[in-house]
Amino acid sequence: PAEPTLVLRLKFLNDTERLARVRPGDTVGALKRTYFPGQEQQVRLIYQGQLLRDDTQSLAGLHLGHLSVLHCHLSPPSTAPTAPGTPGPRSPAPAALGVGSLALPLFVLLLALLWYLQLQHRHVFTATATTCLAGLTLLVTFVAFAMYRR
């Protein structure tokens, strides 16, 4: 007689599911090879909180029932180590200077220029403008300390 088939629910971290038709005599490794071809080393199967490490273990030995849930975690593929003398994978390039990384230094430079102008040309700056410049300077000082305190 033909061996009965089970339907298992393969649930992924992003809450998507796949149904897998298996036989109780199949092994964990066979399940990985069938439903994750080429990714057998990256897939981790978890059943009832236990990581299924032994690829030779049969599914019947796990006492899986119809529509049992196997949680699946797919790791990103690892890069194989390279032999000496062969070029390895390139290290990531340093992040390019963007507007965000230059905004605070440019703002501080602009404030310094405004303070210079305020000291050199007092007659142009009203009391309100000087007070606003002082408040803005305090605000930028707090932001700078908060950003660079790490």
N, C-alpha and C. Protein backbone atom coordinates (compact mmCIF):
# COMPACT_ATOMS: atom_id res chain seq x y z
N PRO A 1 0.82 -1.19 0.00
CA PRO A 1 0.00 0.00 0.00
C PRO A 1 0.87 1.25 0.00
N ALA A 2 0.34 2.28 -0.61
CA ALA A 2 1.07 3.55 -0.70
C ALA A 2 1.10 4.22 0.66
N GLU A 3 2.24 4.83 0.93
CA GLU A 3 2.41 5.53 2.21
C GLU A 3 1.54 6.80 2.20
N PRO A 4 0.81 7.08 3.27
CA PRO A 4 -0.05 8.27 3.28
C PRO A 4 0.80 9.55 3.23
N THR A 5 0.19 10.60 2.72
CA THR A 5 0.91 11.87 2.67
C THR A 5 0.37 12.81 3.74
N LEU A 6 1.26 13.66 4.20
CA LEU A 6 0.91 14.70 5.16
C LEU A 6 1.04 16.05 4.47
N VAL A 7 0.25 16.99 4.88
CA VAL A 7 0.41 18.36 4.42
C VAL A 7 0.93 19.16 5.61
N LEU A 8 2.10 19.78 5.42
CA LEU A 8 2.70 20.61 6.47
C LEU A 8 2.62 22.06 6.07
N ARG A 9 2.49 22.92 7.04
CA ARG A 9 2.49 24.36 6.79
C ARG A 9 3.89 24.89 7.10
N LEU A 10 4.55 25.44 6.07
CA LEU A 10 5.87 26.05 6.25
C LEU A 10 5.63 27.55 6.44
N LYS A 11 5.90 28.04 7.64
CA LYS A 11 5.62 29.44 7.96
C LYS A 11 6.94 30.20 8.06
N PHE A 12 7.00 31.34 7.35
CA PHE A 12 8.21 32.15 7.29
C PHE A 12 8.11 33.35 8.23
N LEU A 13 9.23 34.03 8.46
CA LEU A 13 9.28 35.15 9.38
C LEU A 13 8.38 36.31 8.96
N ASN A 14 8.14 36.45 7.65
CA ASN A 14 7.29 37.55 7.19
C ASN A 14 5.81 37.14 7.17
N ASP A 15 5.47 36.06 7.89
CA ASP A 15 4.11 35.54 8.04
C ASP A 15 3.51 34.96 6.76
N THR A 16 4.33 34.71 5.75
CA THR A 16 3.82 33.99 4.59
C THR A 16 3.91 32.50 4.88
N GLU A 17 3.09 31.73 4.17
CA GLU A 17 3.07 30.29 4.38
C GLU A 17 3.11 29.57 3.04
N ARG A 18 3.69 28.38 3.06
CA ARG A 18 3.66 27.45 1.92
C ARG A 18 3.19 26.11 2.46
N LEU A 19 2.48 25.39 1.63
CA LEU A 19 2.06 24.04 2.01
C LEU A 19 3.04 23.05 1.40
N ALA A 20 3.41 22.05 2.18
CA ALA A 20 4.36 21.03 1.72
C ALA A 20 3.70 19.66 1.86
N ARG A 21 3.69 18.91 0.77
CA ARG A 21 3.18 17.53 0.81
C ARG A 21 4.37 16.60 1.01
N VAL A 22 4.34 15.84 2.10
CA VAL A 22 5.45 14.95 2.46
C VAL A 22 4.89 13.60 2.88
N ARG A 23 5.78 12.63 2.94
CA ARG A 23 5.44 11.30 3.48
C ARG A 23 6.09 11.20 4.86
N PRO A 24 5.47 10.51 5.79
CA PRO A 24 6.05 10.39 7.13
C PRO A 24 7.45 9.79 7.13
N GLY A 25 7.78 8.98 6.13
CA GLY A 25 9.10 8.37 6.06
C GLY A 25 10.18 9.31 5.54
N ASP A 26 9.80 10.47 5.01
CA ASP A 26 10.79 11.43 4.50
C ASP A 26 11.62 11.97 5.66
N THR A 27 12.81 12.42 5.34
CA THR A 27 13.69 12.99 6.36
C THR A 27 13.62 14.52 6.30
N VAL A 28 14.15 15.14 7.33
CA VAL A 28 14.22 16.60 7.38
C VAL A 28 15.06 17.10 6.20
N GLY A 29 16.15 16.40 5.90
CA GLY A 29 17.01 16.78 4.77
C GLY A 29 16.27 16.69 3.45
N ALA A 30 15.45 15.64 3.26
CA ALA A 30 14.68 15.50 2.03
C ALA A 30 13.67 16.64 1.89
N LEU A 31 13.06 17.02 3.00
CA LEU A 31 12.13 18.15 2.97
C LEU A 31 12.85 19.43 2.54
N LYS A 32 14.04 19.66 3.08
CA LYS A 32 14.82 20.84 2.71
C LYS A 32 15.19 20.80 1.23
N ARG A 33 15.66 19.63 0.76
CA ARG A 33 16.06 19.51 -0.65
C ARG A 33 14.88 19.72 -1.59
N THR A 34 13.71 19.24 -1.21
CA THR A 34 12.54 19.33 -2.07
C THR A 34 11.99 20.75 -2.13
N TYR A 35 11.87 21.40 -1.00
CA TYR A 35 11.21 22.70 -0.96
C TYR A 35 12.17 23.89 -0.92
N PHE A 36 13.45 23.64 -0.72
CA PHE A 36 14.45 24.71 -0.72
C PHE A 36 15.68 24.26 -1.51
N PRO A 37 15.52 23.91 -2.79
CA PRO A 37 16.66 23.42 -3.56
C PRO A 37 17.76 24.47 -3.67
N GLY A 38 18.97 24.03 -3.39
CA GLY A 38 20.12 24.93 -3.45
C GLY A 38 20.28 25.80 -2.21
N GLN A 39 19.32 25.76 -1.30
CA GLN A 39 19.38 26.58 -0.09
C GLN A 39 19.38 25.72 1.16
N GLU A 40 19.69 24.46 1.04
CA GLU A 40 19.60 23.54 2.17
C GLU A 40 20.44 24.00 3.36
N GLN A 41 21.60 24.60 3.07
CA GLN A 41 22.48 25.03 4.15
C GLN A 41 22.00 26.31 4.82
N GLN A 42 21.17 27.10 4.12
CA GLN A 42 20.72 28.37 4.68
C GLN A 42 19.39 28.25 5.43
N VAL A 43 18.63 27.16 5.20
CA VAL A 43 17.30 27.06 5.82
C VAL A 43 17.39 26.41 7.19
N ARG A 44 16.67 26.99 8.14
CA ARG A 44 16.56 26.42 9.48
C ARG A 44 15.09 26.14 9.72
N LEU A 45 14.78 24.90 10.11
CA LEU A 45 13.41 24.51 10.39
C LEU A 45 13.23 24.37 11.89
N ILE A 46 12.13 24.90 12.39
CA ILE A 46 11.85 24.87 13.83
C ILE A 46 10.47 24.27 14.02
N TYR A 47 10.38 23.26 14.90
CA TYR A 47 9.09 22.64 15.20
C TYR A 47 8.91 22.61 16.71
N GLN A 48 7.83 23.18 17.18
CA GLN A 48 7.51 23.28 18.59
C GLN A 48 8.68 23.84 19.41
N GLY A 49 9.29 24.90 18.87
CA GLY A 49 10.36 25.59 19.57
C GLY A 49 11.72 24.92 19.48
N GLN A 50 11.82 23.78 18.80
CA GLN A 50 13.08 23.05 18.69
C GLN A 50 13.64 23.18 17.28
N LEU A 51 14.91 23.55 17.18
CA LEU A 51 15.59 23.61 15.89
C LEU A 51 15.85 22.19 15.42
N LEU A 52 15.44 21.90 14.19
CA LEU A 52 15.64 20.56 13.63
C LEU A 52 17.03 20.51 12.99
N ARG A 53 18.02 20.08 13.77
CA ARG A 53 19.41 20.07 13.32
C ARG A 53 19.76 18.82 12.52
N ASP A 54 19.15 17.70 12.87
CA ASP A 54 19.51 16.41 12.27
C ASP A 54 18.73 16.21 10.97
N ASP A 55 19.45 16.35 9.84
CA ASP A 55 18.81 16.17 8.53
C ASP A 55 18.43 14.72 8.26
N THR A 56 18.95 13.77 9.04
CA THR A 56 18.63 12.36 8.80
C THR A 56 17.40 11.91 9.60
N GLN A 57 16.88 12.77 10.45
CA GLN A 57 15.72 12.41 11.27
C GLN A 57 14.48 12.34 10.39
N SER A 58 13.67 11.31 10.61
CA SER A 58 12.45 11.16 9.81
C SER A 58 11.36 12.08 10.36
N LEU A 59 10.44 12.45 9.49
CA LEU A 59 9.34 13.31 9.91
C LEU A 59 8.40 12.56 10.84
N ALA A 60 8.31 11.24 10.67
CA ALA A 60 7.47 10.43 11.56
C ALA A 60 8.02 10.48 12.99
N GLY A 61 9.34 10.55 13.13
CA GLY A 61 9.95 10.62 14.45
C GLY A 61 9.65 11.92 15.17
N LEU A 62 9.24 12.94 14.42
CA LEU A 62 8.88 14.22 15.03
C LEU A 62 7.42 14.25 15.48
N HIS A 63 6.66 13.20 15.10
CA HIS A 63 5.24 13.10 15.42
C HIS A 63 4.45 14.28 14.84
N LEU A 64 4.74 14.59 13.58
CA LEU A 64 4.03 15.67 12.90
C LEU A 64 2.64 15.21 12.51
N GLY A 65 1.67 16.05 12.67
CA GLY A 65 0.32 15.74 12.25
C GLY A 65 -0.03 16.51 11.00
N HIS A 66 -1.23 16.24 10.47
CA HIS A 66 -1.72 16.94 9.29
C HIS A 66 -1.82 18.43 9.60
N LEU A 67 -1.28 19.28 8.75
CA LEU A 67 -1.25 20.75 8.88
C LEU A 67 -0.43 21.24 10.07
N SER A 68 0.56 20.45 10.50
CA SER A 68 1.49 20.93 11.52
C SER A 68 2.30 22.09 10.94
N VAL A 69 2.71 22.98 11.81
CA VAL A 69 3.45 24.18 11.37
C VAL A 69 4.93 23.98 11.63
N LEU A 70 5.72 24.15 10.58
CA LEU A 70 7.18 24.20 10.69
C LEU A 70 7.59 25.64 10.40
N HIS A 71 8.26 26.27 11.35
CA HIS A 71 8.74 27.63 11.14
C HIS A 71 10.05 27.57 10.37
N CYS A 72 10.16 28.43 9.36
CA CYS A 72 11.33 28.43 8.48
C CYS A 72 12.06 29.75 8.59
N HIS A 73 13.37 29.65 8.73
CA HIS A 73 14.23 30.83 8.73
C HIS A 73 15.27 30.63 7.65
N LEU A 74 15.32 31.56 6.70
CA LEU A 74 16.31 31.49 5.62
C LEU A 74 17.41 32.51 5.91
N SER A 75 18.63 32.03 6.09
CA SER A 75 19.78 32.91 6.30
C SER A 75 20.28 33.38 4.95
N PRO A 76 20.90 34.56 4.90
CA PRO A 76 21.52 34.97 3.64
C PRO A 76 22.68 34.04 3.33
N PRO A 77 22.95 33.80 2.04
CA PRO A 77 24.04 32.89 1.70
C PRO A 77 25.38 33.44 2.19
N SER A 78 26.18 32.57 2.77
CA SER A 78 27.49 33.00 3.26
C SER A 78 28.49 32.90 2.13
N THR A 79 29.47 33.80 2.17
CA THR A 79 30.51 33.76 1.14
C THR A 79 31.56 32.77 1.57
N ALA A 80 31.98 31.96 0.65
CA ALA A 80 32.98 30.93 0.94
C ALA A 80 34.34 31.59 1.14
N PRO A 81 35.15 31.06 2.08
CA PRO A 81 36.48 31.64 2.27
C PRO A 81 37.33 31.45 1.01
N THR A 82 38.15 32.43 0.72
CA THR A 82 38.99 32.35 -0.49
C THR A 82 40.38 31.88 -0.11
N ALA A 83 41.03 31.25 -1.06
CA ALA A 83 42.39 30.76 -0.85
C ALA A 83 43.35 31.94 -0.85
N PRO A 84 44.51 31.80 -0.17
CA PRO A 84 45.47 32.91 -0.17
C PRO A 84 45.92 33.23 -1.59
N GLY A 85 46.07 34.51 -1.87
CA GLY A 85 46.53 34.93 -3.19
C GLY A 85 45.39 35.21 -4.15
N THR A 86 44.17 34.76 -3.83
CA THR A 86 43.05 35.05 -4.72
C THR A 86 42.31 36.24 -4.16
N PRO A 87 41.84 37.09 -5.03
CA PRO A 87 41.14 38.27 -4.52
C PRO A 87 39.82 37.86 -3.87
N GLY A 88 39.60 38.34 -2.67
CA GLY A 88 38.37 38.04 -1.95
C GLY A 88 37.30 39.06 -2.28
N PRO A 89 36.18 38.94 -1.63
CA PRO A 89 35.15 39.93 -1.87
C PRO A 89 35.60 41.30 -1.38
N ARG A 90 35.22 42.31 -2.11
CA ARG A 90 35.65 43.66 -1.77
C ARG A 90 35.00 44.11 -0.47
N SER A 91 35.78 44.85 0.30
CA SER A 91 35.20 45.40 1.52
C SER A 91 34.25 46.52 1.12
N PRO A 92 33.23 46.74 1.92
CA PRO A 92 32.28 47.78 1.55
C PRO A 92 32.95 49.14 1.50
N ALA A 93 32.56 49.92 0.51
CA ALA A 93 33.13 51.26 0.34
C ALA A 93 32.63 52.15 1.46
N PRO A 94 33.45 53.09 1.89
CA PRO A 94 32.97 54.00 2.92
C PRO A 94 31.77 54.79 2.40
N ALA A 95 30.87 55.12 3.29
CA ALA A 95 29.67 55.84 2.88
C ALA A 95 30.05 57.19 2.29
N ALA A 96 29.41 57.53 1.20
CA ALA A 96 29.69 58.81 0.55
C ALA A 96 29.15 59.93 1.43
N LEU A 97 29.83 61.06 1.34
CA LEU A 97 29.35 62.21 2.10
C LEU A 97 28.07 62.71 1.47
N GLY A 98 27.02 62.71 2.24
CA GLY A 98 25.75 63.18 1.73
C GLY A 98 25.41 64.51 2.36
N VAL A 99 24.29 65.04 1.97
CA VAL A 99 23.85 66.33 2.50
C VAL A 99 23.60 66.21 4.00
N GLY A 100 23.07 65.06 4.44
CA GLY A 100 22.78 64.89 5.85
C GLY A 100 24.01 64.96 6.73
N SER A 101 25.13 64.41 6.28
CA SER A 101 26.34 64.43 7.09
C SER A 101 27.02 65.79 7.06
N LEU A 102 26.70 66.61 6.07
CA LEU A 102 27.31 67.93 5.98
C LEU A 102 26.41 69.04 6.52
N ALA A 103 25.17 68.72 6.83
CA ALA A 103 24.21 69.76 7.22
C ALA A 103 24.63 70.49 8.49
N LEU A 104 24.98 69.76 9.53
CA LEU A 104 25.33 70.42 10.79
C LEU A 104 26.60 71.27 10.66
N PRO A 105 27.69 70.75 10.07
CA PRO A 105 28.87 71.63 9.93
C PRO A 105 28.60 72.88 9.08
N LEU A 106 27.79 72.74 8.04
CA LEU A 106 27.47 73.91 7.23
C LEU A 106 26.61 74.91 8.02
N PHE A 107 25.71 74.40 8.82
CA PHE A 107 24.87 75.26 9.64
C PHE A 107 25.71 76.00 10.68
N VAL A 108 26.67 75.31 11.28
CA VAL A 108 27.56 75.95 12.26
C VAL A 108 28.39 77.03 11.57
N LEU A 109 28.85 76.76 10.37
CA LEU A 109 29.61 77.76 9.60
C LEU A 109 28.74 78.98 9.30
N LEU A 110 27.49 78.74 8.93
CA LEU A 110 26.57 79.84 8.66
C LEU A 110 26.31 80.66 9.93
N LEU A 111 26.14 79.98 11.06
CA LEU A 111 25.95 80.71 12.33
C LEU A 111 27.18 81.54 12.67
N ALA A 112 28.36 80.98 12.48
CA ALA A 112 29.60 81.73 12.76
C ALA A 112 29.67 82.98 11.89
N LEU A 113 29.28 82.86 10.61
CA LEU A 113 29.28 84.01 9.71
C LEU A 113 28.28 85.06 10.19
N LEU A 114 27.08 84.61 10.62
CA LEU A 114 26.08 85.56 11.13
C LEU A 114 26.56 86.27 12.39
N TRP A 115 27.23 85.54 13.28
CA TRP A 115 27.77 86.19 14.49
C TRP A 115 28.86 87.19 14.13
N TYR A 116 29.69 86.86 13.17
CA TYR A 116 30.72 87.79 12.72
C TYR A 116 30.08 89.07 12.17
N LEU A 117 29.05 88.87 11.34
CA LEU A 117 28.37 90.04 10.78
C LEU A 117 27.67 90.85 11.87
N GLN A 118 27.12 90.17 12.86
CA GLN A 118 26.44 90.86 13.95
C GLN A 118 27.43 91.72 14.74
N LEU A 119 28.62 91.19 14.98
CA LEU A 119 29.64 91.94 15.72
C LEU A 119 30.22 93.09 14.89
N GLN A 120 30.35 92.90 13.59
CA GLN A 120 30.95 93.93 12.73
C GLN A 120 29.94 95.01 12.33
N HIS A 121 28.66 94.62 12.21
CA HIS A 121 27.63 95.56 11.72
C HIS A 121 26.44 95.55 12.68
N ARG A 122 26.68 96.01 13.90
CA ARG A 122 25.62 96.00 14.93
C ARG A 122 24.40 96.82 14.53
N HIS A 123 24.61 97.85 13.76
CA HIS A 123 23.51 98.74 13.40
C HIS A 123 22.48 98.06 12.49
N VAL A 124 22.86 96.97 11.80
CA VAL A 124 21.94 96.26 10.90
C VAL A 124 21.06 95.30 11.69
N PHE A 125 21.57 94.76 12.79
CA PHE A 125 20.85 93.75 13.58
C PHE A 125 20.01 94.42 14.66
N THR A 126 18.72 94.10 14.68
CA THR A 126 17.84 94.60 15.74
C THR A 126 18.01 93.71 16.97
N ALA A 127 17.42 94.14 18.07
CA ALA A 127 17.48 93.34 19.30
C ALA A 127 16.78 91.99 19.10
N THR A 128 15.68 92.00 18.36
CA THR A 128 14.94 90.76 18.09
C THR A 128 15.80 89.80 17.24
N ALA A 129 16.49 90.33 16.24
CA ALA A 129 17.33 89.50 15.39
C ALA A 129 18.49 88.90 16.18
N THR A 130 19.07 89.67 17.07
CA THR A 130 20.17 89.17 17.89
C THR A 130 19.69 88.11 18.86
N THR A 131 18.50 88.32 19.44
CA THR A 131 17.92 87.32 20.35
C THR A 131 17.63 86.01 19.61
N CYS A 132 17.07 86.12 18.42
CA CYS A 132 16.80 84.91 17.61
C CYS A 132 18.10 84.20 17.24
N LEU A 133 19.13 84.96 16.91
CA LEU A 133 20.43 84.36 16.58
C LEU A 133 21.01 83.63 17.78
N ALA A 134 20.87 84.20 18.97
CA ALA A 134 21.36 83.55 20.18
C ALA A 134 20.57 82.26 20.46
N GLY A 135 19.25 82.32 20.31
CA GLY A 135 18.41 81.12 20.52
C GLY A 135 18.74 80.02 19.53
N LEU A 136 18.93 80.41 18.27
CA LEU A 136 19.28 79.43 17.23
C LEU A 136 20.65 78.81 17.51
N THR A 137 21.57 79.62 18.01
CA THR A 137 22.89 79.11 18.35
C THR A 137 22.80 78.08 19.48
N LEU A 138 21.99 78.36 20.49
CA LEU A 138 21.79 77.39 21.58
C LEU A 138 21.18 76.09 21.06
N LEU A 139 20.18 76.22 20.21
CA LEU A 139 19.54 75.03 19.64
C LEU A 139 20.53 74.18 18.85
N VAL A 140 21.32 74.80 18.00
CA VAL A 140 22.31 74.07 17.21
C VAL A 140 23.36 73.44 18.11
N THR A 141 23.73 74.13 19.19
CA THR A 141 24.71 73.58 20.13
C THR A 141 24.17 72.31 20.77
N PHE A 142 22.90 72.33 21.21
CA PHE A 142 22.30 71.12 21.81
C PHE A 142 22.22 69.98 20.79
N VAL A 143 21.84 70.29 19.56
CA VAL A 143 21.75 69.27 18.52
C VAL A 143 23.14 68.68 18.23
N ALA A 144 24.15 69.54 18.15
CA ALA A 144 25.50 69.06 17.87
C ALA A 144 25.98 68.13 18.99
N PHE A 145 25.77 68.50 20.23
CA PHE A 145 26.20 67.65 21.33
C PHE A 145 25.42 66.33 21.34
N ALA A 146 24.15 66.38 21.02
CA ALA A 146 23.34 65.15 20.99
C ALA A 146 23.80 64.23 19.87
N MET A 147 24.18 64.79 18.74
CA MET A 147 24.60 63.95 17.59
C MET A 147 25.98 63.33 17.81
N TYR A 148 26.89 64.12 18.33
CA TYR A 148 28.27 63.67 18.42
C TYR A 148 28.65 63.10 19.79
N ARG A 149 27.69 63.00 20.71
CA ARG A 149 27.97 62.47 22.04
C ARG A 149 28.17 60.96 21.99
N ARG A 150 27.63 60.28 20.99
CA ARG A 150 27.73 58.83 20.89
C ARG A 150 29.13 58.43 20.90
